[in-house]
N, C-alpha and C. Protein backbone atom coordinates (compact mmCIF):
# COMPACT_ATOMS: atom_id res chain seq x y z
N MET A 1 143.56 130.22 185.88
CA MET A 1 142.93 128.93 185.71
C MET A 1 143.06 128.49 184.26
N GLY A 2 143.35 127.23 184.10
CA GLY A 2 143.50 126.69 182.77
C GLY A 2 142.17 126.27 182.17
N ILE A 3 142.23 125.93 180.92
CA ILE A 3 141.02 125.52 180.19
C ILE A 3 140.43 124.24 180.78
N THR A 4 141.28 123.38 181.34
CA THR A 4 140.78 122.13 181.90
C THR A 4 139.86 122.37 183.10
N LYS A 5 140.17 123.41 183.89
CA LYS A 5 139.29 123.74 185.03
C LYS A 5 137.92 124.18 184.53
N TYR A 6 137.87 125.00 183.47
CA TYR A 6 136.61 125.45 182.92
C TYR A 6 135.80 124.27 182.36
N ILE A 7 136.47 123.35 181.71
CA ILE A 7 135.80 122.16 181.18
C ILE A 7 135.23 121.34 182.34
N HIS A 8 136.04 121.17 183.38
CA HIS A 8 135.62 120.40 184.55
C HIS A 8 134.38 121.04 185.20
N TYR A 9 134.42 122.35 185.42
CA TYR A 9 133.28 123.04 186.03
C TYR A 9 132.04 122.99 185.13
N SER A 10 132.25 123.07 183.83
CA SER A 10 131.12 123.00 182.90
C SER A 10 130.44 121.64 182.97
N ILE A 11 131.23 120.59 183.01
CA ILE A 11 130.68 119.24 183.12
C ILE A 11 129.95 119.08 184.45
N ASP A 12 130.52 119.61 185.53
CA ASP A 12 129.85 119.54 186.83
C ASP A 12 128.50 120.26 186.80
N LEU A 13 128.45 121.42 186.15
CA LEU A 13 127.19 122.17 186.06
C LEU A 13 126.16 121.41 185.25
N VAL A 14 126.58 120.76 184.18
CA VAL A 14 125.65 119.96 183.37
C VAL A 14 125.12 118.79 184.19
N LEU A 15 125.98 118.15 184.96
CA LEU A 15 125.53 117.03 185.81
C LEU A 15 124.53 117.51 186.87
N VAL A 16 124.77 118.67 187.47
CA VAL A 16 123.82 119.22 188.44
C VAL A 16 122.50 119.51 187.75
N SER A 17 122.55 120.04 186.55
CA SER A 17 121.34 120.34 185.79
C SER A 17 120.56 119.07 185.47
N ILE A 18 121.26 117.99 185.13
CA ILE A 18 120.60 116.72 184.85
C ILE A 18 119.95 116.16 186.11
N VAL A 19 120.63 116.28 187.24
CA VAL A 19 120.05 115.81 188.50
C VAL A 19 118.79 116.60 188.84
N LEU A 20 118.81 117.92 188.64
CA LEU A 20 117.62 118.73 188.89
C LEU A 20 116.48 118.34 187.96
N ALA A 21 116.80 118.01 186.71
CA ALA A 21 115.77 117.56 185.77
C ALA A 21 115.18 116.23 186.22
N GLY A 22 116.03 115.32 186.69
CA GLY A 22 115.54 114.04 187.20
C GLY A 22 114.65 114.21 188.41
N ILE A 23 115.02 115.12 189.30
CA ILE A 23 114.19 115.39 190.48
C ILE A 23 112.83 115.93 190.04
N ARG A 24 112.84 116.84 189.07
CA ARG A 24 111.58 117.41 188.60
C ARG A 24 110.70 116.35 187.95
N ARG A 25 111.31 115.47 187.16
CA ARG A 25 110.54 114.44 186.46
C ARG A 25 109.97 113.39 187.42
N ASN A 26 110.73 113.04 188.43
CA ASN A 26 110.31 111.95 189.32
C ASN A 26 109.47 112.39 190.50
N THR A 27 109.63 113.64 190.94
CA THR A 27 108.90 114.08 192.12
C THR A 27 107.96 115.25 191.85
N GLY A 28 108.19 115.98 190.78
CA GLY A 28 107.38 117.15 190.49
C GLY A 28 107.91 118.41 191.15
N LEU A 29 108.96 118.28 191.96
CA LEU A 29 109.56 119.45 192.60
C LEU A 29 110.37 120.23 191.57
N THR A 30 110.12 121.54 191.50
CA THR A 30 110.75 122.37 190.49
C THR A 30 111.53 123.49 191.17
N PHE A 31 112.70 123.79 190.62
CA PHE A 31 113.50 124.90 191.12
C PHE A 31 112.77 126.21 190.86
N ASN A 32 112.65 127.06 191.87
CA ASN A 32 111.92 128.31 191.76
C ASN A 32 112.87 129.43 191.37
N ALA A 33 112.90 129.76 190.09
CA ALA A 33 113.78 130.83 189.60
C ALA A 33 113.20 132.20 189.88
N ASP A 34 111.95 132.28 190.30
CA ASP A 34 111.32 133.57 190.57
C ASP A 34 111.91 134.25 191.81
N GLU A 35 112.66 133.52 192.60
CA GLU A 35 113.29 134.10 193.78
C GLU A 35 114.40 135.08 193.42
N PHE A 36 114.91 134.99 192.20
CA PHE A 36 115.97 135.89 191.75
C PHE A 36 115.33 137.15 191.17
N HIS A 37 115.83 138.29 191.57
CA HIS A 37 115.25 139.56 191.13
C HIS A 37 115.72 139.95 189.73
N SER A 38 116.86 139.52 189.34
CA SER A 38 117.41 139.88 188.04
C SER A 38 116.78 139.04 186.93
N MET A 39 116.31 139.71 185.90
CA MET A 39 115.74 138.99 184.74
C MET A 39 116.81 138.18 184.03
N ASP A 40 118.03 138.70 184.01
CA ASP A 40 119.13 137.97 183.38
C ASP A 40 119.39 136.65 184.11
N ALA A 41 119.38 136.71 185.45
CA ALA A 41 119.60 135.49 186.23
C ALA A 41 118.50 134.48 185.96
N ARG A 42 117.25 134.93 185.90
CA ARG A 42 116.14 134.03 185.61
C ARG A 42 116.28 133.39 184.23
N ARG A 43 116.70 134.20 183.25
CA ARG A 43 116.85 133.68 181.90
C ARG A 43 117.96 132.62 181.85
N TYR A 44 119.09 132.89 182.50
CA TYR A 44 120.19 131.93 182.49
C TYR A 44 119.82 130.65 183.25
N ILE A 45 119.10 130.81 184.34
CA ILE A 45 118.66 129.62 185.09
C ILE A 45 117.70 128.79 184.25
N SER A 46 116.80 129.45 183.53
CA SER A 46 115.87 128.73 182.66
C SER A 46 116.62 127.97 181.56
N LYS A 47 117.64 128.61 180.99
CA LYS A 47 118.46 127.94 179.97
C LYS A 47 119.22 126.76 180.59
N PHE A 48 119.75 126.99 181.79
CA PHE A 48 120.49 125.95 182.51
C PHE A 48 119.59 124.74 182.78
N LEU A 49 118.37 124.98 183.25
CA LEU A 49 117.45 123.89 183.54
C LEU A 49 116.96 123.23 182.25
N GLY A 50 116.78 124.01 181.19
CA GLY A 50 116.40 123.45 179.90
C GLY A 50 117.47 122.53 179.34
N LEU A 51 118.73 122.91 179.53
CA LEU A 51 119.84 122.05 179.11
C LEU A 51 119.80 120.73 179.87
N GLY A 52 119.52 120.79 181.16
CA GLY A 52 119.41 119.58 181.96
C GLY A 52 118.29 118.68 181.49
N GLU A 53 117.16 119.28 181.10
CA GLU A 53 116.03 118.50 180.58
C GLU A 53 116.43 117.78 179.29
N ARG A 54 117.07 118.50 178.38
CA ARG A 54 117.47 117.88 177.11
C ARG A 54 118.51 116.78 177.33
N MET A 55 119.47 117.02 178.21
CA MET A 55 120.49 116.02 178.49
C MET A 55 119.89 114.81 179.21
N TYR A 56 118.92 115.04 180.07
CA TYR A 56 118.23 113.94 180.74
C TYR A 56 117.50 113.07 179.72
N ASP A 57 116.78 113.72 178.80
CA ASP A 57 116.08 112.98 177.75
C ASP A 57 117.06 112.19 176.90
N TYR A 58 118.18 112.80 176.54
CA TYR A 58 119.20 112.13 175.73
C TYR A 58 119.77 110.93 176.47
N THR A 59 120.06 111.11 177.75
CA THR A 59 120.64 110.02 178.55
C THR A 59 119.66 108.87 178.68
N VAL A 60 118.40 109.16 178.95
CA VAL A 60 117.39 108.11 179.07
C VAL A 60 117.23 107.37 177.75
N SER A 61 117.23 108.10 176.66
CA SER A 61 117.13 107.48 175.34
C SER A 61 118.33 106.58 175.06
N LEU A 62 119.51 107.06 175.39
CA LEU A 62 120.73 106.29 175.18
C LEU A 62 120.72 105.01 176.01
N VAL A 63 120.32 105.11 177.26
CA VAL A 63 120.28 103.96 178.15
C VAL A 63 119.21 102.96 177.69
N ARG A 64 118.05 103.49 177.27
CA ARG A 64 116.95 102.63 176.84
C ARG A 64 117.34 101.79 175.62
N HIS A 65 118.09 102.36 174.71
CA HIS A 65 118.46 101.66 173.47
C HIS A 65 119.80 100.94 173.56
N SER A 66 120.45 100.97 174.70
CA SER A 66 121.78 100.37 174.82
C SER A 66 121.74 98.85 174.88
N GLY A 67 120.68 98.28 175.42
CA GLY A 67 120.61 96.84 175.56
C GLY A 67 121.12 96.34 176.90
N TYR A 68 121.74 97.20 177.68
CA TYR A 68 122.24 96.80 178.99
C TYR A 68 121.20 96.96 180.10
N PHE A 69 120.11 97.63 179.79
CA PHE A 69 119.08 97.90 180.78
C PHE A 69 117.74 97.38 180.28
N TYR A 70 116.87 97.02 181.20
CA TYR A 70 115.51 96.68 180.84
C TYR A 70 114.59 97.38 181.83
N GLN A 71 113.35 97.58 181.42
CA GLN A 71 112.41 98.31 182.25
C GLN A 71 111.50 97.34 182.96
N ARG A 72 111.43 97.48 184.24
CA ARG A 72 110.56 96.67 185.06
C ARG A 72 109.78 97.61 185.97
N SER A 73 108.50 97.49 185.96
CA SER A 73 107.69 98.42 186.74
C SER A 73 107.76 98.08 188.22
N LEU A 74 107.55 99.08 189.05
CA LEU A 74 107.53 98.87 190.49
C LEU A 74 106.35 98.00 190.90
N LYS A 75 105.27 98.08 190.14
CA LYS A 75 104.10 97.26 190.43
C LYS A 75 104.45 95.78 190.33
N ASP A 76 105.21 95.41 189.29
CA ASP A 76 105.62 94.02 189.14
C ASP A 76 106.48 93.56 190.30
N GLU A 77 107.41 94.40 190.74
CA GLU A 77 108.26 94.04 191.87
C GLU A 77 107.42 93.86 193.14
N PHE A 78 106.44 94.73 193.33
CA PHE A 78 105.58 94.65 194.52
C PHE A 78 104.75 93.37 194.50
N THR A 79 104.14 93.06 193.36
CA THR A 79 103.30 91.86 193.28
C THR A 79 104.14 90.59 193.37
N ASP A 80 105.34 90.60 192.79
CA ASP A 80 106.22 89.44 192.91
C ASP A 80 106.60 89.18 194.37
N GLU A 81 106.87 90.26 195.11
CA GLU A 81 107.21 90.12 196.52
C GLU A 81 106.02 89.60 197.32
N LEU A 82 104.81 90.09 197.01
CA LEU A 82 103.61 89.59 197.69
C LEU A 82 103.40 88.11 197.42
N LYS A 83 103.55 87.69 196.17
CA LYS A 83 103.37 86.28 195.82
C LYS A 83 104.38 85.40 196.56
N LYS A 84 105.64 85.87 196.60
CA LYS A 84 106.68 85.10 197.27
C LYS A 84 106.36 84.95 198.75
N ASN A 85 105.94 86.03 199.40
CA ASN A 85 105.60 85.96 200.82
C ASN A 85 104.37 85.11 201.06
N PHE A 86 103.40 85.17 200.16
CA PHE A 86 102.19 84.36 200.31
C PHE A 86 102.54 82.87 200.20
N LYS A 87 103.36 82.52 199.23
CA LYS A 87 103.77 81.11 199.08
C LYS A 87 104.51 80.63 200.33
N LYS A 88 105.37 81.47 200.85
CA LYS A 88 106.15 81.10 202.03
C LYS A 88 105.23 80.87 203.23
N LYS A 89 104.29 81.77 203.45
CA LYS A 89 103.37 81.61 204.58
C LYS A 89 102.43 80.43 204.37
N ALA A 90 102.00 80.21 203.14
CA ALA A 90 101.11 79.08 202.85
C ALA A 90 101.81 77.77 203.14
N ASN A 91 103.08 77.67 202.81
CA ASN A 91 103.83 76.45 203.08
C ASN A 91 104.09 76.27 204.57
N GLU A 92 104.26 77.39 205.29
CA GLU A 92 104.48 77.30 206.74
C GLU A 92 103.23 76.78 207.45
N PHE A 93 102.06 77.22 207.01
CA PHE A 93 100.81 76.83 207.66
C PHE A 93 100.18 75.61 207.01
N ASP A 94 100.82 75.07 206.01
CA ASP A 94 100.37 73.85 205.34
C ASP A 94 98.93 74.01 204.80
N ILE A 95 98.76 75.05 204.00
CA ILE A 95 97.47 75.30 203.35
C ILE A 95 97.55 74.71 201.94
N PRO A 96 96.85 73.59 201.69
CA PRO A 96 96.99 72.91 200.41
C PRO A 96 96.52 73.75 199.20
N SER A 97 95.44 74.51 199.36
CA SER A 97 94.93 75.25 198.21
C SER A 97 95.83 76.41 197.81
N ALA A 98 96.69 76.84 198.71
CA ALA A 98 97.56 77.98 198.42
C ALA A 98 98.95 77.55 197.96
N ARG A 99 99.21 76.25 198.00
CA ARG A 99 100.53 75.76 197.60
C ARG A 99 100.71 75.91 196.10
N LEU A 100 101.80 76.50 195.75
CA LEU A 100 102.09 76.70 194.33
C LEU A 100 103.41 76.09 193.95
N ASP A 101 103.96 75.25 194.81
CA ASP A 101 105.28 74.65 194.53
C ASP A 101 105.20 73.60 193.47
């Protein structure tokens, strides 16, 4: 195997580690390294997951400061959708006090 295969596999492992970090941050689900009996395996898995955490933080920081993305909370999207549906129904039923057009 050439060096390019090792580079490719290394990048794939880092991406998997970043995905696992994202899952942990967003859902609270954590990979259970205690299932491995070898202390060496646990140590390497901990390092692997720690790398994913650092790369996740770096990626979020990079995206946040890039200017191509903006943050919008899910609460805002939910309330905007409720307002839109309320306006639509109010206009359908011809409720004058609810009209916001």
